Amino acid sequence: MNTRRYRMRSWIAGALVAGVSAAMWTTAPAQEPKTLRVTMHADVRTVDPFWTTQTIAGIHGLMVYDTLFSSDYELKPQPQMVDTWTVSDDRKVYTFTLRDGLKFHDGSPVRTKDVIASMKRWGARDGAGKQLMSFTASITATDDKTFVWTLTEPYGLVIDTLAKSGTSIPFVMREQEAMVDPFQQIQEVVGSGPFVFKRDEWVPGSKTVYEKFKDYVPRSEPASGHAGGKVVKVDRVEFVWLSDPQTAQAALVAGEIDYLENPQVDFLPILESTPGITLEMHPAQGTMGLIQLNHLHPPFNNVKARQAMMHIIHVPDYLNTIAPDPKLQQLCYSHHGCGVAMETDAGSETYKSPPDYKKAEQLFREAGYNGEPITILHATDHQYINPANLVMIQQLRKAGFLNLDVQAMDWGSVVARRAKKEPPAQGGWNIFITGTTVLSSSNPITNTSFGMGCDKAWFGWPCDPVFEEMRKSWAFAPTVEKRKEIAVELSKRAYEMVPNLRFAQWRSPVAYRSDKISGVLSVPSVPPMWNIELK
């Protein structure tokens, strides 16, 4: 046994002797009731899946709510709440009929009025939803089970958008929650999905609990990805929040949790060699890092300052820090990720080149920068965002001419603060780091942070009407070949205007106790908890 592995196993043994696990799990034995214990990559801090694009909000939403369509293992859209649908010859009118047996957790039936209100609320926040709504003339109810979605133009991405599995996911809520201002968080959580949220047992920073919804009627098809029959085979699911990666690995090794969504890359060899633990990845699974710049305030309201960042950031440093295992790495300069149909790195020559601090300093001066503080929101409790921040801060300091105001906080605080449009000195920000899945970024429409729609854009609020017209052209392109041509031009424009900076692509497996559970579904984005069975 090598020294590193011995030390880790010794740490695990010591942690357990010290009572780490005993202090955190005091629920009844796993078999009575049947309880699945999992640790996700983040803690559930908001119960409104439309309010934020945090992946954990999407995971929470997938437990509680259902969707009109979902993507299967092959990433193909499949009906979920929808039973049948038709499309008019001019491709402007979609008629949907809901399937039988749909019921909310309070016992009330799901009606088309709930669906319509939910789609409008989602479409006011989500990037792909905004695009769809911009081509929507109306959504009207024919009766309680049938509704008609009428377009102004034959937009060909309706079903694909409704089946998206990257945040924000178009969940169906009750009308009364869906009518809440999209920019205010809902407080009541009553979905029609396979699990019921137990608010009385929710302890932010510790545990989130869900119970099986006994009146849920699964589809008859086998489960596949996020599609098919959502058959729940446990009584409870507990999201146990463990902020320290080592503690999380120790808990999995000790059998105190059954499933670990995002194990730290450094410890994968230990998990691979531990009897009873399985690591699994979907072929399309991948994460892309994102350095988001605030376009509202100096210095990054000036395009030259944004361009200067490309002369400072060195992408391989992030990749070698976050995913040092070459098998998990992909040096990628495509805004949509590599290995997808719209992959292109057109215009990235500057970004690929070695750092040029003199050129960066020149561009910052031309942008009017005079040494003012640059406020960086540094999430210290996130598995890959924390080390990525450390790399970025080191790179910026190495340039030598920037005045950095690094503000350490937890990820939940970053999520709240990034929505502020005030200047940094008044509680705003200049830079924060996040990440996104390759799946949700794989084209110009579903790629939320790629848009430059000004006030309607994602956090940072990039603004370029020319770019947005190009995105619209992509959506209406008649062939895949034409879309690829437009994607190349979009990439060039993005590298010119710099809405943000991507830093590489890597894959992360999930880890679970295969000696304790079975039926884990392989997905490329938010993990489903249905179909999992305790042995």
Protein backbone atom coordinates (compact mmCIF):
# COMPACT_ATOMS: atom_id res chain seq x y z
CA MET A 1 0.00 0.00 0.00
CA ASN A 2 1.46 3.40 -0.94
CA THR A 3 2.06 6.05 1.75
CA ARG A 4 -0.68 8.41 0.53
CA ARG A 5 -3.35 5.71 0.58
CA TYR A 6 -2.22 4.52 4.01
CA ARG A 7 -2.47 8.03 5.42
CA MET A 8 -5.95 8.52 4.00
CA ARG A 9 -7.21 5.22 5.40
CA SER A 10 -5.65 6.11 8.73
CA TRP A 11 -7.46 9.46 8.65
CA ILE A 12 -10.75 7.72 7.91
CA ALA A 13 -10.28 5.29 10.78
CA GLY A 14 -9.38 8.13 13.14
CA ALA A 15 -12.38 10.18 12.07
CA LEU A 16 -14.72 7.33 12.76
CA VAL A 17 -13.16 6.58 16.14
CA ALA A 18 -13.54 10.25 17.01
CA GLY A 19 -17.24 9.95 16.38
CA VAL A 20 -17.55 12.07 13.23
CA SER A 21 -20.29 9.91 11.83
CA ALA A 22 -22.15 9.39 15.11
CA ALA A 23 -22.61 13.13 15.50
CA MET A 24 -24.23 13.51 12.11
CA TRP A 25 -26.59 10.60 11.63
CA THR A 26 -29.17 9.94 14.29
CA THR A 27 -32.02 8.72 12.10
CA ALA A 28 -33.63 5.30 12.36
CA PRO A 29 -31.95 2.23 10.83
CA ALA A 30 -31.83 2.31 7.03
CA GLN A 31 -34.30 -0.57 6.62
CA GLU A 32 -37.10 0.81 8.83
CA PRO A 33 -38.05 2.98 7.06
CA LYS A 34 -35.97 2.30 3.95
CA THR A 35 -33.74 5.39 3.88
CA LEU A 36 -31.29 6.33 1.16
CA ARG A 37 -28.55 8.66 2.45
CA VAL A 38 -26.68 10.75 -0.08
CA THR A 39 -24.25 13.64 -0.11
CA MET A 40 -24.56 16.05 -3.02
CA HIS A 41 -21.98 18.59 -4.17
CA ALA A 42 -23.73 21.43 -2.33
CA ASP A 43 -26.28 22.07 0.40
CA VAL A 44 -29.92 22.83 -0.39
CA ARG A 45 -30.30 26.50 0.52
CA THR A 46 -33.22 27.52 -1.70
CA VAL A 47 -36.35 25.52 -2.46
CA ASP A 48 -37.22 27.52 -5.61
CA PRO A 49 -35.63 25.83 -8.66
CA PHE A 50 -36.43 28.82 -10.91
CA TRP A 51 -34.82 31.40 -8.65
CA THR A 52 -31.26 30.21 -9.26
CA THR A 53 -29.31 28.18 -11.80
CA GLN A 54 -27.47 26.33 -9.02
CA THR A 55 -27.30 22.65 -9.89
CA ILE A 56 -28.35 21.73 -6.35
CA ALA A 57 -31.58 23.68 -6.89
CA GLY A 58 -32.20 21.55 -9.97
CA ILE A 59 -31.50 18.38 -7.99
CA HIS A 60 -33.98 19.48 -5.33
CA GLY A 61 -36.51 20.34 -8.03
CA LEU A 62 -36.13 16.95 -9.70
CA MET A 63 -37.04 15.27 -6.42
CA VAL A 64 -40.22 17.27 -5.87
CA TYR A 65 -41.52 18.39 -9.27
CA ASP A 66 -42.21 16.77 -12.62
CA THR A 67 -41.66 17.96 -16.19
CA LEU A 68 -43.61 17.89 -19.44
CA PHE A 69 -40.72 16.17 -21.25
CA SER A 70 -37.43 14.65 -20.10
CA SER A 71 -34.22 13.44 -21.73
CA ASP A 72 -33.40 9.72 -21.78
CA TYR A 73 -29.98 8.05 -21.52
CA GLU A 74 -29.31 8.82 -25.19
CA LEU A 75 -30.22 12.49 -24.51
CA LYS A 76 -33.34 12.22 -26.67
CA PRO A 77 -36.51 14.06 -25.51
CA GLN A 78 -39.30 11.82 -24.24
CA PRO A 79 -42.78 12.69 -22.93
CA GLN A 80 -43.08 12.73 -19.15
CA MET A 81 -46.23 14.49 -17.91
CA VAL A 82 -47.43 14.75 -21.50
CA ASP A 83 -49.43 11.86 -22.92
CA THR A 84 -49.88 12.93 -26.55
CA TRP A 85 -49.03 15.99 -28.62
CA THR A 86 -49.40 17.23 -32.18
CA VAL A 87 -47.70 19.91 -34.28
CA SER A 88 -49.44 21.90 -37.01
CA ASP A 89 -48.21 21.79 -40.60
CA ASP A 90 -46.74 25.28 -40.32
CA ARG A 91 -44.93 24.20 -37.08
CA LYS A 92 -46.39 27.13 -35.16
CA VAL A 93 -49.05 25.37 -33.09
CA TYR A 94 -48.29 22.62 -30.54
CA THR A 95 -51.19 20.87 -28.81
CA PHE A 96 -50.39 18.92 -25.66
CA THR A 97 -52.55 16.56 -23.59
CA LEU A 98 -51.49 15.58 -20.06
CA ARG A 99 -51.51 11.95 -19.02
CA ASP A 100 -53.92 10.50 -16.48
CA GLY A 101 -53.14 10.24 -12.78
CA LEU A 102 -51.13 13.45 -12.32
CA LYS A 103 -51.63 14.73 -8.78
CA PHE A 104 -49.94 17.28 -6.55
CA HIS A 105 -48.68 16.35 -3.11
CA ASP A 106 -51.68 18.08 -1.52
CA GLY A 107 -54.01 15.72 -3.40
CA SER A 108 -55.21 18.24 -5.99
CA PRO A 109 -55.07 17.24 -9.67
CA VAL A 110 -52.53 18.78 -12.03
CA ARG A 111 -54.38 21.02 -14.46
CA THR A 112 -53.32 22.92 -17.55
CA LYS A 113 -53.61 26.20 -15.64
CA ASP A 114 -50.77 24.97 -13.40
CA VAL A 115 -48.67 24.06 -16.44
CA ILE A 116 -49.24 27.39 -18.19
CA ALA A 117 -48.40 29.47 -15.11
CA SER A 118 -45.29 27.36 -14.47
CA MET A 119 -43.98 27.70 -18.03
CA LYS A 120 -44.45 31.47 -17.92
CA ARG A 121 -42.61 31.77 -14.60
CA TRP A 122 -39.77 29.53 -15.79
CA GLY A 123 -39.60 31.38 -19.11
CA ALA A 124 -39.09 34.67 -17.32
CA ARG A 125 -35.83 33.42 -15.69
CA ASP A 126 -34.20 30.67 -17.75
CA GLY A 127 -32.08 31.58 -20.77
CA ALA A 128 -33.51 28.92 -23.07
CA GLY A 129 -36.96 29.66 -21.67
CA LYS A 130 -36.61 33.33 -22.52
CA GLN A 131 -35.74 32.40 -26.09
CA LEU A 132 -38.78 30.15 -26.37
CA MET A 133 -41.05 32.78 -24.86
CA SER A 134 -39.75 35.42 -27.27
CA PHE A 135 -41.29 33.35 -30.08
CA THR A 136 -44.47 32.52 -28.16
CA ALA A 137 -47.74 34.18 -29.14
CA SER A 138 -49.83 32.45 -26.48
CA ILE A 139 -50.26 29.41 -24.25
CA THR A 140 -53.94 28.66 -23.73
CA ALA A 141 -55.96 25.94 -22.02
CA THR A 142 -58.48 23.94 -24.04
CA ASP A 143 -59.61 22.10 -20.92
CA ASP A 144 -58.04 20.81 -17.69
CA LYS A 145 -55.83 18.33 -19.55
CA THR A 146 -55.14 19.94 -22.94
CA PHE A 147 -53.34 23.16 -23.78
CA VAL A 148 -52.15 24.86 -26.96
CA TRP A 149 -48.75 26.53 -27.36
CA THR A 150 -48.85 28.96 -30.31
CA LEU A 151 -45.65 30.43 -31.77
CA THR A 152 -45.07 33.57 -33.80
CA GLU A 153 -42.49 31.74 -35.90
CA PRO A 154 -41.73 28.04 -36.53
CA TYR A 155 -39.17 27.73 -33.73
CA GLY A 156 -37.81 24.20 -33.95
CA LEU A 157 -36.46 23.79 -30.41
CA VAL A 158 -39.73 23.61 -28.46
CA ILE A 159 -39.57 19.96 -27.38
CA ASP A 160 -35.79 20.03 -26.87
CA THR A 161 -36.12 23.07 -24.61
CA LEU A 162 -38.95 21.56 -22.56
CA ALA A 163 -36.85 18.39 -22.12
CA LYS A 164 -33.69 20.20 -20.97
CA SER A 165 -32.08 18.62 -17.92
CA GLY A 166 -29.59 21.38 -17.16
CA THR A 167 -30.67 24.15 -14.81
CA SER A 168 -33.06 25.81 -14.85
CA ILE A 169 -35.33 22.85 -15.59
CA PRO A 170 -38.93 23.65 -16.66
CA PHE A 171 -40.72 22.08 -13.71
CA VAL A 172 -44.49 22.21 -13.22
CA MET A 173 -45.68 23.85 -10.00
CA ARG A 174 -49.13 24.55 -8.63
CA GLU A 175 -50.62 27.69 -10.13
CA GLN A 176 -50.50 29.53 -6.80
CA GLU A 177 -46.71 29.11 -6.53
CA ALA A 178 -46.17 29.67 -10.25
CA MET A 179 -47.94 33.02 -9.98
CA VAL A 180 -45.31 34.30 -7.53
CA ASP A 181 -43.07 37.01 -9.00
CA PRO A 182 -40.28 35.12 -10.85
CA PHE A 183 -37.73 37.34 -9.08
CA GLN A 184 -39.06 36.41 -5.64
CA GLN A 185 -38.55 32.99 -4.08
CA ILE A 186 -41.52 30.72 -3.52
CA GLN A 187 -42.03 29.53 0.05
CA GLU A 188 -44.43 26.62 -0.40
CA VAL A 189 -43.05 23.45 -1.99
CA VAL A 190 -45.91 21.35 -3.37
CA GLY A 191 -44.98 19.45 -6.50
CA SER A 192 -46.33 16.44 -8.34
CA GLY A 193 -43.03 14.58 -8.56
CA PRO A 194 -41.99 11.26 -7.01
CA PHE A 195 -40.87 12.70 -3.65
CA VAL A 196 -42.41 15.02 -1.05
CA PHE A 197 -40.21 17.69 0.50
CA LYS A 198 -40.24 17.46 4.33
CA ARG A 199 -39.91 21.10 5.31
CA ASP A 200 -40.28 20.26 9.01
CA GLU A 201 -37.09 18.18 8.81
CA TRP A 202 -35.10 20.59 6.63
CA VAL A 203 -32.01 21.92 8.41
CA PRO A 204 -29.98 24.13 6.02
CA GLY A 205 -26.32 23.37 6.48
CA SER A 206 -27.08 19.87 7.76
CA LYS A 207 -29.85 17.79 6.17
CA THR A 208 -32.69 17.88 3.63
CA VAL A 209 -35.31 15.13 3.74
CA TYR A 210 -37.71 13.78 1.11
CA GLU A 211 -40.35 11.04 1.43
CA LYS A 212 -41.85 8.83 -1.24
CA PHE A 213 -45.04 10.27 -2.75
CA LYS A 214 -47.34 7.27 -2.51
CA ASP A 215 -49.87 8.65 -5.00
CA TYR A 216 -47.31 9.23 -7.75
CA VAL A 217 -48.16 7.29 -10.94
CA PRO A 218 -44.99 6.47 -12.90
CA ARG A 219 -44.93 6.11 -16.65
CA SER A 220 -45.00 2.53 -17.92
CA GLU A 221 -41.69 2.75 -19.82
CA PRO A 222 -38.48 1.61 -18.13
CA ALA A 223 -36.45 4.33 -16.44
CA SER A 224 -33.81 5.84 -18.74
CA GLY A 225 -31.85 8.94 -17.77
CA HIS A 226 -34.44 11.43 -16.54
CA ALA A 227 -37.18 9.83 -18.64
CA GLY A 228 -39.37 6.76 -18.29
CA GLY A 229 -40.97 5.38 -15.15
CA LYS A 230 -39.90 7.21 -12.01
CA VAL A 231 -40.41 4.26 -9.67
CA VAL A 232 -39.42 5.07 -6.09
CA LYS A 233 -38.11 2.02 -4.21
CA VAL A 234 -37.19 3.62 -0.88
CA ASP A 235 -39.29 5.35 1.78
CA ARG A 236 -37.01 8.31 2.41
CA VAL A 237 -34.05 10.10 0.87
CA GLU A 238 -31.82 12.21 3.08
CA PHE A 239 -29.42 14.74 1.57
CA VAL A 240 -26.72 14.87 4.26
CA TRP A 241 -24.54 17.94 3.82
CA LEU A 242 -20.83 17.36 4.42
CA SER A 243 -18.83 20.40 3.35
CA ASP A 244 -15.43 18.78 3.86
CA PRO A 245 -14.55 16.43 0.97
CA GLN A 246 -12.44 14.17 3.19
CA THR A 247 -15.31 13.72 5.62
CA ALA A 248 -17.61 12.86 2.72
CA GLN A 249 -15.20 10.23 1.37
CA ALA A 250 -14.81 8.79 4.87
CA ALA A 251 -18.57 8.58 5.28
CA LEU A 252 -18.93 6.66 2.02
CA VAL A 253 -16.10 4.28 2.85
CA ALA A 254 -17.62 3.66 6.29
CA GLY A 255 -21.06 3.05 4.80
CA GLU A 256 -22.60 6.02 6.64
CA ILE A 257 -23.85 7.39 3.32
CA ASP A 258 -24.85 5.36 0.27
CA TYR A 259 -24.15 7.79 -2.56
CA LEU A 260 -21.62 10.59 -3.11
CA GLU A 261 -22.39 12.77 -6.09
CA ASN A 262 -19.07 14.54 -6.59
CA PRO A 263 -16.10 12.83 -4.92
CA GLN A 264 -12.87 14.77 -4.86
CA VAL A 265 -10.64 13.77 -7.74
CA ASP A 266 -7.58 13.26 -5.51
CA PHE A 267 -9.35 10.47 -3.62
CA LEU A 268 -10.75 8.53 -6.59
CA PRO A 269 -7.98 5.87 -6.44
CA ILE A 270 -8.89 5.18 -2.82
CA LEU A 271 -12.57 4.82 -3.65
CA GLU A 272 -11.78 2.59 -6.64
CA SER A 273 -9.80 0.24 -4.41
CA THR A 274 -12.40 0.10 -1.62
CA PRO A 275 -14.54 -3.07 -1.73
CA GLY A 276 -18.22 -2.38 -2.22
CA ILE A 277 -17.80 1.03 -3.88
CA THR A 278 -18.53 1.68 -7.56
CA LEU A 279 -17.57 4.74 -9.61
CA GLU A 280 -19.72 5.54 -12.62
CA MET A 281 -19.84 8.19 -15.36
CA HIS A 282 -22.26 8.89 -18.20
CA PRO A 283 -20.45 9.14 -21.56
CA ALA A 284 -21.71 12.72 -22.01
CA GLN A 285 -20.92 13.80 -18.47
CA GLY A 286 -18.61 16.73 -18.14
CA THR A 287 -18.18 20.02 -16.32
CA MET A 288 -16.90 23.34 -17.65
CA GLY A 289 -15.45 26.03 -15.43
CA LEU A 290 -16.61 29.62 -15.85
CA ILE A 291 -15.06 32.94 -14.83
CA GLN A 292 -17.94 35.41 -14.87
CA LEU A 293 -17.21 39.12 -15.32
CA ASN A 294 -19.60 41.93 -14.37
CA HIS A 295 -20.32 44.04 -17.45
CA LEU A 296 -22.20 46.75 -15.53
CA HIS A 297 -19.31 48.35 -13.65
CA PRO A 298 -15.65 49.27 -14.24
CA PRO A 299 -13.34 47.87 -15.28
CA PHE A 300 -15.19 45.08 -17.09
CA ASN A 301 -17.89 47.31 -18.51
CA ASN A 302 -15.15 48.12 -21.03
CA VAL A 303 -14.48 45.36 -23.53
CA LYS A 304 -10.73 46.01 -23.47
CA ALA A 305 -10.55 45.05 -19.79
CA ARG A 306 -12.41 41.84 -20.58
CA GLN A 307 -10.05 41.14 -23.46
CA ALA A 308 -7.10 41.80 -21.15
CA MET A 309 -8.17 38.87 -18.98
CA MET A 310 -7.46 36.49 -21.86
CA HIS A 311 -3.80 37.57 -21.67
CA ILE A 312 -3.64 36.66 -17.96
CA ILE A 313 -5.70 33.48 -17.57
CA HIS A 314 -3.81 30.27 -18.37
CA VAL A 315 -6.33 27.45 -18.78
CA PRO A 316 -4.07 24.38 -18.22
CA ASP A 317 -3.35 25.55 -14.65
CA TYR A 318 -7.02 25.12 -13.74
CA LEU A 319 -7.30 21.73 -15.35
CA ASN A 320 -4.21 20.37 -13.63
CA THR A 321 -5.47 21.63 -10.27
CA ILE A 322 -9.11 20.54 -10.45
CA ALA A 323 -8.70 17.27 -12.39
CA PRO A 324 -5.05 16.17 -12.28
CA ASP A 325 -5.89 12.71 -13.61
CA PRO A 326 -5.29 12.88 -17.41
CA LYS A 327 -8.16 10.41 -17.97
CA LEU A 328 -10.61 13.02 -16.66
CA GLN A 329 -9.16 16.06 -18.45
CA GLN A 330 -9.97 17.79 -21.71
CA LEU A 331 -8.21 21.00 -22.66
CA CYS A 332 -11.13 22.72 -24.34
CA TYR A 333 -11.63 26.25 -25.67
CA SER A 334 -15.13 25.78 -27.05
CA HIS A 335 -17.86 27.81 -25.31
CA HIS A 336 -20.17 24.83 -25.83
CA GLY A 337 -17.76 22.19 -24.62
CA CYS A 338 -15.82 19.60 -26.58
CA GLY A 339 -17.31 16.42 -27.98
CA VAL A 340 -20.63 18.08 -28.87
CA ALA A 341 -22.15 18.94 -32.25
CA MET A 342 -21.55 22.69 -31.90
CA GLU A 343 -17.95 22.40 -30.74
CA THR A 344 -15.78 25.21 -32.09
CA ASP A 345 -12.91 27.27 -30.70
CA ALA A 346 -12.97 29.86 -33.49
CA GLY A 347 -11.47 33.14 -32.31
CA SER A 348 -9.63 31.66 -29.33
CA GLU A 349 -6.07 32.25 -30.56
CA THR A 350 -5.31 34.90 -27.92
CA TYR A 351 -6.75 32.79 -25.12
CA LYS A 352 -4.69 29.77 -26.17
CA SER A 353 -1.44 31.77 -26.20
CA PRO A 354 0.94 32.05 -23.22
CA PRO A 355 0.18 34.89 -20.76
CA ASP A 356 1.24 38.37 -21.90
CA TYR A 357 1.10 40.64 -18.85
CA LYS A 358 2.38 43.72 -20.69
CA LYS A 359 -0.40 43.44 -23.24
CA ALA A 360 -2.92 42.89 -20.45
CA GLU A 361 -1.69 45.99 -18.60
CA GLN A 362 -1.92 48.04 -21.79
CA LEU A 363 -5.52 46.96 -22.40
CA PHE A 364 -6.53 47.67 -18.80
CA ARG A 365 -5.05 51.18 -19.12
CA GLU A 366 -6.93 51.73 -22.38
CA ALA A 367 -10.09 50.63 -20.56
CA GLY A 368 -9.54 53.43 -18.01
CA TYR A 369 -8.40 51.22 -15.14
CA ASN A 370 -6.37 53.15 -12.54
CA GLY A 371 -5.80 50.56 -9.84
CA GLU A 372 -9.28 50.53 -8.32
CA PRO A 373 -10.17 47.43 -6.25
CA ILE A 374 -11.49 44.46 -8.23
CA THR A 375 -13.94 42.56 -6.03
CA ILE A 376 -13.76 38.78 -6.31
CA LEU A 377 -16.40 36.58 -4.67
CA HIS A 378 -14.47 33.55 -3.43
CA ALA A 379 -16.58 30.51 -2.49
CA THR A 380 -14.39 28.58 -0.05
CA ASP A 381 -16.70 25.60 0.54
CA HIS A 382 -17.11 24.31 -3.01
CA GLN A 383 -15.11 21.34 -4.21
CA TYR A 384 -13.81 22.77 -7.49
CA ILE A 385 -14.77 26.46 -7.27
CA ASN A 386 -12.50 27.02 -4.26
CA PRO A 387 -9.29 25.69 -5.91
CA ALA A 388 -10.21 27.40 -9.18
CA ASN A 389 -10.48 30.70 -7.31
CA LEU A 390 -7.07 30.13 -5.76
CA VAL A 391 -5.57 29.54 -9.21
CA MET A 392 -7.23 32.64 -10.66
CA ILE A 393 -6.16 34.86 -7.77
CA GLN A 394 -2.60 33.62 -8.15
CA GLN A 395 -2.65 34.32 -11.89
CA LEU A 396 -4.08 37.82 -11.42
CA ARG A 397 -1.55 38.65 -8.72
CA LYS A 398 1.25 37.36 -10.92
CA ALA A 399 0.28 40.00 -13.47
CA GLY A 400 1.28 42.51 -10.80
CA PHE A 401 -0.82 45.56 -11.64
CA LEU A 402 -4.29 44.66 -10.33
CA ASN A 403 -5.71 45.65 -6.94
CA LEU A 404 -7.67 42.59 -5.77
CA ASP A 405 -10.38 42.68 -3.13
CA VAL A 406 -10.90 38.97 -2.41
CA GLN A 407 -13.99 38.34 -0.30
CA ALA A 408 -14.21 34.81 1.12
CA MET A 409 -17.69 33.38 1.74
CA ASP A 410 -19.68 30.20 1.31
CA TRP A 411 -21.22 29.28 -2.03
CA GLY A 412 -24.72 30.13 -0.86
CA SER A 413 -23.59 33.68 -0.13
CA VAL A 414 -22.00 33.95 -3.58
CA VAL A 415 -25.28 32.85 -5.17
CA ALA A 416 -27.17 35.55 -3.28
CA ARG A 417 -24.66 38.31 -3.95
CA ARG A 418 -24.09 37.62 -7.64
CA ALA A 419 -27.67 38.77 -8.31
CA LYS A 420 -26.86 42.27 -7.05
CA LYS A 421 -26.42 44.94 -9.73
CA GLU A 422 -25.04 47.55 -7.34
CA PRO A 423 -21.39 48.67 -7.69
CA PRO A 424 -18.87 46.48 -5.86
CA ALA A 425 -18.37 49.12 -3.14
CA GLN A 426 -22.11 48.92 -2.43
CA GLY A 427 -22.34 45.15 -2.11
CA GLY A 428 -21.88 44.17 -5.74
CA TRP A 429 -18.99 42.37 -7.41
CA ASN A 430 -16.59 42.23 -10.37
CA ILE A 431 -15.73 38.51 -10.71
CA PHE A 432 -17.03 35.19 -9.49
CA ILE A 433 -16.27 31.61 -10.55
CA THR A 434 -18.83 28.90 -11.18
CA GLY A 435 -19.29 25.90 -13.44
CA THR A 436 -21.82 24.34 -15.75
CA THR A 437 -22.43 21.00 -17.39
CA VAL A 438 -21.33 20.37 -20.95
CA LEU A 439 -24.81 19.05 -21.64
CA SER A 440 -26.56 22.29 -20.71
CA SER A 441 -23.94 24.37 -22.57
CA SER A 442 -23.90 22.29 -25.74
CA ASN A 443 -25.65 24.85 -27.96
CA PRO A 444 -26.11 28.65 -28.08
CA ILE A 445 -29.67 28.52 -26.74
CA THR A 446 -29.42 26.20 -23.74
CA ASN A 447 -26.03 27.72 -22.83
CA THR A 448 -27.41 30.15 -20.23
CA SER A 449 -24.22 32.11 -19.58
CA PHE A 450 -23.47 32.44 -23.30
CA GLY A 451 -26.26 34.94 -23.96
CA MET A 452 -25.62 38.68 -24.22
CA GLY A 453 -29.17 39.94 -23.80
CA CYS A 454 -28.38 42.93 -21.55
CA ASP A 455 -30.89 43.12 -18.67
CA LYS A 456 -32.28 39.72 -19.71
CA ALA A 457 -28.85 38.08 -19.68
CA TRP A 458 -27.39 35.87 -16.96
CA PHE A 459 -25.49 37.32 -13.98
CA GLY A 460 -22.86 39.74 -15.27
CA TRP A 461 -25.45 41.04 -17.75
CA PRO A 462 -23.41 40.98 -20.99
CA CYS A 463 -24.96 43.19 -23.67
CA ASP A 464 -24.50 42.81 -27.43
CA PRO A 465 -27.56 43.04 -29.76
CA VAL A 466 -25.47 41.79 -32.70
CA PHE A 467 -24.63 38.63 -30.81
CA GLU A 468 -28.27 38.07 -29.86
CA GLU A 469 -29.38 38.36 -33.48
CA MET A 470 -26.79 35.74 -34.39
CA ARG A 471 -28.15 33.44 -31.68
CA LYS A 472 -31.64 33.88 -33.09
CA SER A 473 -30.35 32.98 -36.54
CA TRP A 474 -28.83 29.81 -35.11
CA ALA A 475 -32.18 28.79 -33.61
CA PHE A 476 -33.96 29.14 -36.96
CA ALA A 477 -31.23 27.64 -39.14
CA PRO A 478 -32.78 24.94 -41.37
CA THR A 479 -29.94 22.38 -41.14
CA VAL A 480 -27.32 21.20 -38.68
CA GLU A 481 -24.63 22.23 -41.16
CA LYS A 482 -25.94 25.80 -41.23
CA ARG A 483 -26.08 25.85 -37.43
CA LYS A 484 -22.45 24.79 -37.27
CA GLU A 485 -21.52 27.67 -39.59
CA ILE A 486 -23.34 30.15 -37.37
CA ALA A 487 -21.78 28.59 -34.26
CA VAL A 488 -18.33 29.40 -35.67
CA GLU A 489 -19.28 33.06 -36.14
CA LEU A 490 -20.83 33.17 -32.67
CA SER A 491 -17.61 31.82 -31.18
CA LYS A 492 -15.57 34.52 -32.92
CA ARG A 493 -17.94 37.19 -31.66
CA ALA A 494 -17.85 35.78 -28.13
CA TYR A 495 -14.05 35.83 -28.05
CA GLU A 496 -14.18 39.42 -29.28
CA MET A 497 -16.80 40.66 -26.78
CA VAL A 498 -15.85 38.27 -23.90
CA PRO A 499 -19.11 37.68 -22.02
CA ASN A 500 -17.06 35.43 -19.71
CA LEU A 501 -14.10 33.05 -19.76
CA ARG A 502 -14.30 29.25 -19.79
CA PHE A 503 -11.55 27.25 -18.15
CA ALA A 504 -11.31 23.74 -19.50
CA GLN A 505 -13.50 20.67 -19.24
CA TRP A 506 -13.34 17.67 -16.97
CA ARG A 507 -15.39 14.63 -16.04
CA SER A 508 -16.44 13.66 -12.52
CA PRO A 509 -17.84 10.25 -11.59
CA VAL A 510 -20.42 9.56 -8.92
CA ALA A 511 -19.50 7.07 -6.21
CA TYR A 512 -21.91 4.75 -4.42
CA ARG A 513 -22.04 1.68 -2.21
CA SER A 514 -22.88 -1.01 -4.75
CA ASP A 515 -22.90 -3.51 -1.89
CA LYS A 516 -25.81 -1.60 -0.34
CA ILE A 517 -27.78 -0.12 -3.24
CA SER A 518 -28.64 -0.99 -6.85
CA GLY A 519 -30.50 0.65 -9.72
CA VAL A 520 -28.41 3.85 -9.89
CA LEU A 521 -29.25 5.59 -13.17
CA SER A 522 -26.43 7.01 -15.25
CA VAL A 523 -27.15 10.61 -16.28
CA PRO A 524 -25.01 13.47 -17.59
CA SER A 525 -26.42 16.12 -15.28
CA VAL A 526 -28.59 16.25 -12.14
CA PRO A 527 -28.79 12.76 -10.57
CA PRO A 528 -32.19 11.10 -10.07
CA MET A 529 -32.93 9.23 -6.87
CA TRP A 530 -35.77 7.10 -8.20
CA ASN A 531 -35.10 3.52 -9.35
CA ILE A 532 -32.50 3.11 -6.55
CA GLU A 533 -33.12 0.14 -4.31
CA LEU A 534 -31.60 -0.81 -0.96
CA LYS A 535 -30.25 -4.34 -0.88
